């Protein structure tokens, strides 16, 4: 089981001495560190003991609803909309081909004998006088 970074907060990350020259008494600092660690550990344990089961139930219900709606609502709806849009696209494609197909074929026949050639021309060297 991986350890979450938020649960491993150290005392030095929260409380720090403002300057190297200003230091607390080492015994006071050490006792403060131990009290911080003890308090944070016990608060976490108490909150976990009291709230872990209700939150586990809550998140189980949330993910169950999410899975249920994904399987029984979202996926069928997306497939239905996809098939509906596919049929609309096919009708649109037929209309466009009927309306603009003959025009495209007529232009194609008009320009079928047109040939394009590229001619490379030599550039004139500049004389330097402008």
N, C-alpha and C. Protein backbone atom coordinates (compact mmCIF):
# COMPACT_ATOMS: atom_id res chain seq x y z
N UNK A 1 0.85 -1.18 0.00
CA UNK A 1 0.00 0.00 0.00
C UNK A 1 0.89 1.23 0.00
N UNK A 2 0.61 2.15 -0.90
CA UNK A 2 1.47 3.33 -1.01
C UNK A 2 1.10 4.36 0.06
N UNK A 3 2.11 5.09 0.46
CA UNK A 3 1.91 6.11 1.47
C UNK A 3 1.60 7.43 0.78
N UNK A 4 0.54 8.07 1.18
CA UNK A 4 0.14 9.33 0.57
C UNK A 4 0.99 10.45 1.15
N UNK A 5 1.45 11.35 0.30
CA UNK A 5 2.37 12.40 0.73
C UNK A 5 1.73 13.34 1.75
N UNK A 6 0.42 13.53 1.70
CA UNK A 6 -0.21 14.45 2.63
C UNK A 6 -0.23 13.93 4.06
N UNK A 7 -0.12 12.63 4.25
CA UNK A 7 -0.14 12.08 5.60
C UNK A 7 1.23 12.06 6.24
N UNK A 8 2.26 12.40 5.49
CA UNK A 8 3.62 12.36 6.06
C UNK A 8 4.21 13.76 6.16
N UNK A 9 3.47 14.67 6.78
CA UNK A 9 3.95 16.03 6.97
C UNK A 9 4.87 16.06 8.18
N UNK A 10 6.02 16.66 8.00
CA UNK A 10 7.00 16.75 9.07
C UNK A 10 6.87 18.08 9.79
N UNK A 11 7.35 18.10 11.02
CA UNK A 11 7.27 19.30 11.86
C UNK A 11 8.05 20.45 11.23
N UNK A 12 9.21 20.15 10.66
CA UNK A 12 10.05 21.20 10.06
C UNK A 12 9.39 21.84 8.84
N UNK A 13 8.46 21.13 8.18
CA UNK A 13 7.75 21.70 7.04
C UNK A 13 6.72 22.73 7.49
N UNK A 14 6.22 22.58 8.71
CA UNK A 14 5.17 23.46 9.23
C UNK A 14 5.78 24.61 10.02
N UNK A 15 6.63 24.26 10.97
CA UNK A 15 7.24 25.25 11.86
C UNK A 15 8.74 25.27 11.59
N UNK A 16 9.27 26.43 11.32
CA UNK A 16 10.70 26.53 11.05
C UNK A 16 11.25 27.77 11.75
N UNK A 17 12.49 27.71 12.12
CA UNK A 17 13.15 28.86 12.74
C UNK A 17 13.33 29.94 11.68
N UNK A 18 13.09 31.20 12.03
CA UNK A 18 13.18 32.26 11.04
C UNK A 18 14.60 32.57 10.57
N UNK A 19 15.59 32.30 11.41
CA UNK A 19 16.96 32.70 11.08
C UNK A 19 17.91 31.72 11.74
N UNK A 20 19.08 31.57 11.18
CA UNK A 20 20.09 30.68 11.77
C UNK A 20 20.55 31.19 13.13
N UNK A 21 20.55 32.49 13.32
CA UNK A 21 21.02 33.07 14.58
C UNK A 21 19.97 32.99 15.67
N UNK A 22 18.71 32.90 15.29
CA UNK A 22 17.63 32.81 16.27
C UNK A 22 17.20 31.36 16.40
N UNK A 23 17.50 30.77 17.51
CA UNK A 23 17.16 29.37 17.75
C UNK A 23 16.42 29.23 19.07
N UNK A 24 15.48 28.29 19.09
CA UNK A 24 14.83 27.95 20.35
C UNK A 24 15.77 27.10 21.18
N UNK A 25 15.42 26.94 22.41
CA UNK A 25 16.19 26.03 23.26
C UNK A 25 15.99 24.63 22.70
N UNK A 26 17.05 23.88 22.57
CA UNK A 26 16.98 22.58 21.89
C UNK A 26 16.00 21.63 22.56
N UNK A 27 15.92 21.65 23.90
CA UNK A 27 14.97 20.76 24.59
C UNK A 27 13.53 21.15 24.26
N UNK A 28 13.26 22.45 24.21
CA UNK A 28 11.91 22.92 23.88
C UNK A 28 11.56 22.52 22.45
N UNK A 29 12.52 22.67 21.56
CA UNK A 29 12.30 22.29 20.15
C UNK A 29 12.03 20.80 20.03
N UNK A 30 12.81 19.98 20.68
CA UNK A 30 12.63 18.52 20.61
C UNK A 30 11.29 18.10 21.20
N UNK A 31 10.90 18.71 22.32
CA UNK A 31 9.61 18.37 22.92
C UNK A 31 8.48 18.81 21.99
N UNK A 32 8.62 19.96 21.37
CA UNK A 32 7.60 20.44 20.42
C UNK A 32 7.45 19.48 19.24
N UNK A 33 8.57 18.98 18.75
CA UNK A 33 8.53 18.02 17.64
C UNK A 33 7.80 16.76 18.07
N UNK A 34 8.11 16.24 19.22
CA UNK A 34 7.47 15.01 19.70
C UNK A 34 5.97 15.22 19.93
N UNK A 35 5.59 16.36 20.50
CA UNK A 35 4.17 16.65 20.73
C UNK A 35 3.44 16.76 19.39
N UNK A 36 4.06 17.42 18.42
CA UNK A 36 3.46 17.54 17.09
C UNK A 36 3.25 16.16 16.47
N UNK A 37 4.26 15.32 16.50
CA UNK A 37 4.15 13.99 15.90
C UNK A 37 3.09 13.15 16.61
N UNK A 38 3.10 13.18 17.94
CA UNK A 38 2.13 12.41 18.72
C UNK A 38 0.71 12.88 18.42
N UNK A 39 0.50 14.19 18.44
CA UNK A 39 -0.84 14.75 18.22
C UNK A 39 -1.34 14.46 16.81
N UNK A 40 -0.48 14.67 15.82
CA UNK A 40 -0.93 14.42 14.44
C UNK A 40 -1.23 12.94 14.22
N UNK A 41 -0.43 12.05 14.81
CA UNK A 41 -0.67 10.62 14.66
C UNK A 41 -1.99 10.23 15.31
N UNK A 42 -2.23 10.68 16.53
CA UNK A 42 -3.45 10.30 17.23
C UNK A 42 -4.69 10.94 16.61
N UNK A 43 -4.58 12.17 16.17
CA UNK A 43 -5.73 12.80 15.49
C UNK A 43 -6.08 12.03 14.21
N UNK A 44 -5.06 11.64 13.47
CA UNK A 44 -5.30 10.87 12.25
C UNK A 44 -5.95 9.53 12.59
N UNK A 45 -5.46 8.86 13.61
CA UNK A 45 -6.04 7.57 13.99
C UNK A 45 -7.49 7.72 14.44
N UNK A 46 -7.77 8.74 15.24
CA UNK A 46 -9.14 8.94 15.73
C UNK A 46 -10.08 9.28 14.57
N UNK A 47 -9.65 10.20 13.72
CA UNK A 47 -10.49 10.55 12.57
C UNK A 47 -10.69 9.35 11.65
N UNK A 48 -9.65 8.54 11.47
CA UNK A 48 -9.78 7.34 10.64
C UNK A 48 -10.76 6.36 11.26
N UNK A 49 -10.66 6.17 12.58
CA UNK A 49 -11.55 5.23 13.25
C UNK A 49 -13.00 5.69 13.18
N UNK A 50 -13.23 6.98 13.28
CA UNK A 50 -14.59 7.50 13.30
C UNK A 50 -15.17 7.65 11.88
N UNK A 51 -14.36 8.14 10.95
CA UNK A 51 -14.90 8.51 9.64
C UNK A 51 -14.55 7.57 8.49
N UNK A 52 -13.66 6.63 8.70
CA UNK A 52 -13.23 5.77 7.59
C UNK A 52 -14.38 4.94 7.03
N UNK A 53 -15.16 4.32 7.88
CA UNK A 53 -16.25 3.47 7.41
C UNK A 53 -17.33 4.29 6.70
N UNK A 54 -17.80 5.42 7.28
CA UNK A 54 -18.80 6.20 6.53
C UNK A 54 -18.29 6.71 5.18
N UNK A 55 -17.03 7.15 5.14
CA UNK A 55 -16.50 7.62 3.86
C UNK A 55 -16.29 6.46 2.88
N UNK A 56 -15.93 5.29 3.37
CA UNK A 56 -15.81 4.13 2.49
C UNK A 56 -17.16 3.80 1.87
N UNK A 57 -18.21 3.85 2.68
CA UNK A 57 -19.56 3.60 2.16
C UNK A 57 -19.96 4.68 1.15
N UNK A 58 -19.67 5.93 1.49
CA UNK A 58 -20.01 7.03 0.60
C UNK A 58 -19.34 6.87 -0.76
N UNK A 59 -18.02 6.60 -0.76
CA UNK A 59 -17.31 6.49 -2.03
C UNK A 59 -17.70 5.22 -2.78
N UNK A 60 -18.06 4.17 -2.06
CA UNK A 60 -18.55 2.97 -2.74
C UNK A 60 -19.85 3.27 -3.48
N UNK A 61 -20.75 4.01 -2.83
CA UNK A 61 -22.02 4.37 -3.46
C UNK A 61 -21.78 5.29 -4.66
N UNK A 62 -20.88 6.27 -4.51
CA UNK A 62 -20.58 7.19 -5.61
C UNK A 62 -20.05 6.43 -6.82
N UNK A 63 -19.08 5.53 -6.60
CA UNK A 63 -18.51 4.79 -7.72
C UNK A 63 -19.49 3.76 -8.28
N UNK A 64 -20.36 3.22 -7.44
CA UNK A 64 -21.39 2.31 -7.94
C UNK A 64 -22.36 3.05 -8.86
N UNK A 65 -22.80 4.25 -8.44
CA UNK A 65 -23.66 5.05 -9.31
C UNK A 65 -22.94 5.42 -10.60
N UNK A 66 -21.68 5.78 -10.48
CA UNK A 66 -20.91 6.14 -11.67
C UNK A 66 -20.84 4.96 -12.64
N UNK A 67 -20.53 3.79 -12.14
CA UNK A 67 -20.45 2.60 -12.99
C UNK A 67 -21.81 2.26 -13.58
N UNK A 68 -22.85 2.32 -12.74
CA UNK A 68 -24.20 2.01 -13.20
C UNK A 68 -24.62 2.93 -14.35
N UNK A 69 -24.44 4.24 -14.15
CA UNK A 69 -24.84 5.18 -15.19
C UNK A 69 -23.98 5.06 -16.44
N UNK A 70 -22.72 4.71 -16.26
CA UNK A 70 -21.86 4.52 -17.42
C UNK A 70 -22.32 3.32 -18.25
N UNK A 71 -22.65 2.22 -17.57
CA UNK A 71 -23.05 1.00 -18.27
C UNK A 71 -24.46 1.12 -18.85
N UNK A 72 -25.39 1.67 -18.10
CA UNK A 72 -26.79 1.63 -18.50
C UNK A 72 -27.31 2.92 -19.11
N UNK A 73 -26.55 4.01 -19.05
CA UNK A 73 -27.05 5.26 -19.62
C UNK A 73 -26.07 5.87 -20.62
N UNK A 74 -24.86 6.13 -20.17
CA UNK A 74 -23.91 6.88 -21.00
C UNK A 74 -23.52 6.11 -22.26
N UNK A 75 -23.06 4.88 -22.11
CA UNK A 75 -22.62 4.12 -23.28
C UNK A 75 -23.75 3.86 -24.28
N UNK A 76 -24.93 3.39 -23.84
CA UNK A 76 -26.02 3.22 -24.83
C UNK A 76 -26.43 4.54 -25.49
N UNK A 77 -26.43 5.61 -24.72
CA UNK A 77 -26.79 6.91 -25.28
C UNK A 77 -25.77 7.35 -26.33
N UNK A 78 -24.50 7.16 -26.03
CA UNK A 78 -23.45 7.55 -26.99
C UNK A 78 -23.54 6.71 -28.27
N UNK A 79 -23.82 5.41 -28.13
CA UNK A 79 -23.94 4.56 -29.32
C UNK A 79 -25.17 4.95 -30.13
N UNK A 80 -26.28 5.27 -29.46
CA UNK A 80 -27.49 5.69 -30.16
C UNK A 80 -27.26 7.00 -30.90
N UNK A 81 -26.67 7.96 -30.22
CA UNK A 81 -26.38 9.26 -30.85
C UNK A 81 -25.41 9.07 -32.02
N UNK A 82 -24.41 8.20 -31.85
CA UNK A 82 -23.46 7.93 -32.93
C UNK A 82 -24.14 7.35 -34.15
N UNK A 83 -25.05 6.40 -33.95
CA UNK A 83 -25.76 5.81 -35.09
C UNK A 83 -26.69 6.83 -35.74
N UNK A 84 -27.34 7.65 -34.93
CA UNK A 84 -28.21 8.69 -35.46
C UNK A 84 -27.41 9.69 -36.29
N UNK A 85 -26.27 10.13 -35.77
CA UNK A 85 -25.44 11.07 -36.51
C UNK A 85 -24.86 10.44 -37.78
N UNK A 86 -24.56 9.14 -37.73
CA UNK A 86 -24.07 8.46 -38.93
C UNK A 86 -25.14 8.45 -40.02
N UNK A 87 -26.38 8.19 -39.64
CA UNK A 87 -27.45 8.20 -40.65
C UNK A 87 -27.67 9.61 -41.19
N UNK A 88 -27.59 10.62 -40.34
CA UNK A 88 -27.72 12.00 -40.82
C UNK A 88 -26.57 12.34 -41.76
N UNK A 89 -25.36 11.91 -41.42
CA UNK A 89 -24.21 12.18 -42.29
C UNK A 89 -24.37 11.50 -43.64
N UNK A 90 -24.89 10.29 -43.65
CA UNK A 90 -25.08 9.59 -44.92
C UNK A 90 -26.11 10.30 -45.79
N UNK A 91 -27.19 10.80 -45.19
CA UNK A 91 -28.18 11.56 -45.95
C UNK A 91 -27.56 12.85 -46.47
N UNK A 92 -26.79 13.54 -45.64
CA UNK A 92 -26.11 14.78 -46.04
C UNK A 92 -25.15 14.51 -47.19
N UNK A 93 -24.42 13.40 -47.10
CA UNK A 93 -23.47 13.04 -48.15
C UNK A 93 -24.20 12.82 -49.48
N UNK A 94 -25.33 12.14 -49.44
CA UNK A 94 -26.10 11.89 -50.67
C UNK A 94 -26.61 13.20 -51.26
N UNK A 95 -27.10 14.10 -50.41
CA UNK A 95 -27.61 15.38 -50.89
C UNK A 95 -26.50 16.19 -51.55
N UNK A 96 -25.34 16.24 -50.90
CA UNK A 96 -24.21 16.99 -51.46
C UNK A 96 -23.76 16.38 -52.78
N UNK A 97 -23.70 15.05 -52.85
CA UNK A 97 -23.31 14.41 -54.11
C UNK A 97 -24.32 14.67 -55.22
N UNK A 98 -25.61 14.66 -54.87
CA UNK A 98 -26.64 14.92 -55.89
C UNK A 98 -26.60 16.36 -56.38
N UNK A 99 -26.37 17.30 -55.47
CA UNK A 99 -26.39 18.70 -55.85
C UNK A 99 -25.09 19.16 -56.52
N UNK A 100 -23.96 18.77 -55.96
CA UNK A 100 -22.69 19.29 -56.43
C UNK A 100 -21.88 18.31 -57.26
N UNK A 101 -22.29 17.05 -57.30
CA UNK A 101 -21.58 16.05 -58.10
C UNK A 101 -21.58 16.38 -59.58
N UNK A 102 -22.75 16.67 -60.17
CA UNK A 102 -22.77 17.01 -61.60
C UNK A 102 -21.94 18.26 -61.92
N UNK A 103 -21.97 19.24 -61.03
CA UNK A 103 -21.18 20.45 -61.26
C UNK A 103 -19.69 20.11 -61.25
N UNK A 104 -19.27 19.31 -60.31
CA UNK A 104 -17.87 18.89 -60.25
C UNK A 104 -17.46 18.09 -61.47
N UNK A 105 -18.34 17.20 -61.94
CA UNK A 105 -18.03 16.42 -63.14
C UNK A 105 -17.94 17.31 -64.37
N UNK A 106 -18.83 18.30 -64.45
CA UNK A 106 -18.79 19.21 -65.60
C UNK A 106 -17.49 20.01 -65.61
N UNK A 107 -17.09 20.54 -64.46
CA UNK A 107 -15.81 21.26 -64.40
C UNK A 107 -14.65 20.33 -64.70
N UNK A 108 -14.73 19.11 -64.23
CA UNK A 108 -13.67 18.15 -64.51
C UNK A 108 -13.52 17.87 -65.99
N UNK A 109 -14.66 17.73 -66.69
CA UNK A 109 -14.60 17.49 -68.14
C UNK A 109 -14.10 18.72 -68.90
N UNK A 110 -14.46 19.89 -68.39
CA UNK A 110 -13.99 21.12 -69.05
C UNK A 110 -12.48 21.25 -68.96
N UNK A 111 -11.93 20.88 -67.85
CA UNK A 111 -10.50 21.09 -67.64
C UNK A 111 -9.67 19.81 -67.73
N UNK A 112 -10.24 18.74 -68.31
CA UNK A 112 -9.50 17.48 -68.33
C UNK A 112 -8.29 17.52 -69.26
N UNK A 113 -8.30 18.37 -70.25
CA UNK A 113 -7.17 18.45 -71.17
C UNK A 113 -6.17 19.54 -70.82
N UNK A 114 -6.38 20.21 -69.74
CA UNK A 114 -5.45 21.27 -69.34
C UNK A 114 -4.21 20.62 -68.75
N UNK A 115 -3.08 21.05 -69.23
CA UNK A 115 -1.80 20.54 -68.73
C UNK A 115 -1.01 21.70 -68.17
N UNK A 116 -0.41 21.52 -67.05
CA UNK A 116 0.41 22.55 -66.44
C UNK A 116 1.87 22.15 -66.54
N UNK A 117 2.68 23.09 -66.93
CA UNK A 117 4.12 22.85 -67.04
C UNK A 117 4.83 23.89 -66.19
N UNK A 118 5.94 23.51 -65.66
CA UNK A 118 6.77 24.47 -64.94
C UNK A 118 8.00 24.77 -65.77
N UNK A 119 8.30 26.03 -65.87
CA UNK A 119 9.45 26.48 -66.64
C UNK A 119 10.39 27.17 -65.67
N UNK A 120 11.61 26.71 -65.65
CA UNK A 120 12.60 27.35 -64.79
C UNK A 120 13.28 28.45 -65.58
N UNK A 121 13.26 29.62 -65.03
CA UNK A 121 13.93 30.74 -65.70
C UNK A 121 15.21 31.06 -64.94
N UNK A 122 16.19 31.51 -65.68
CA UNK A 122 17.44 31.88 -65.04
C UNK A 122 17.30 33.30 -64.52
N UNK A 123 17.74 33.47 -63.32
CA UNK A 123 17.66 34.81 -62.75
C UNK A 123 18.82 35.65 -63.24
N UNK A 124 18.58 36.91 -63.54
CA UNK A 124 19.60 37.83 -64.01
C UNK A 124 20.44 38.28 -62.83
N UNK A 125 21.76 38.22 -62.95
CA UNK A 125 22.58 38.72 -61.84
C UNK A 125 22.41 40.23 -61.72
N UNK A 126 22.33 40.68 -60.51
CA UNK A 126 22.15 42.11 -60.29
C UNK A 126 23.44 42.85 -60.59
N UNK A 127 23.30 44.03 -61.19
CA UNK A 127 24.48 44.79 -61.59
C UNK A 127 25.06 45.59 -60.44
N UNK A 128 24.35 45.69 -59.37
CA UNK A 128 24.85 46.43 -58.24
C UNK A 128 24.44 47.89 -58.26
N UNK A 129 24.06 48.40 -59.42
CA UNK A 129 23.60 49.79 -59.53
C UNK A 129 22.08 49.81 -59.43
N UNK A 130 21.63 50.55 -58.50
CA UNK A 130 20.19 50.61 -58.33
C UNK A 130 19.66 51.94 -58.74
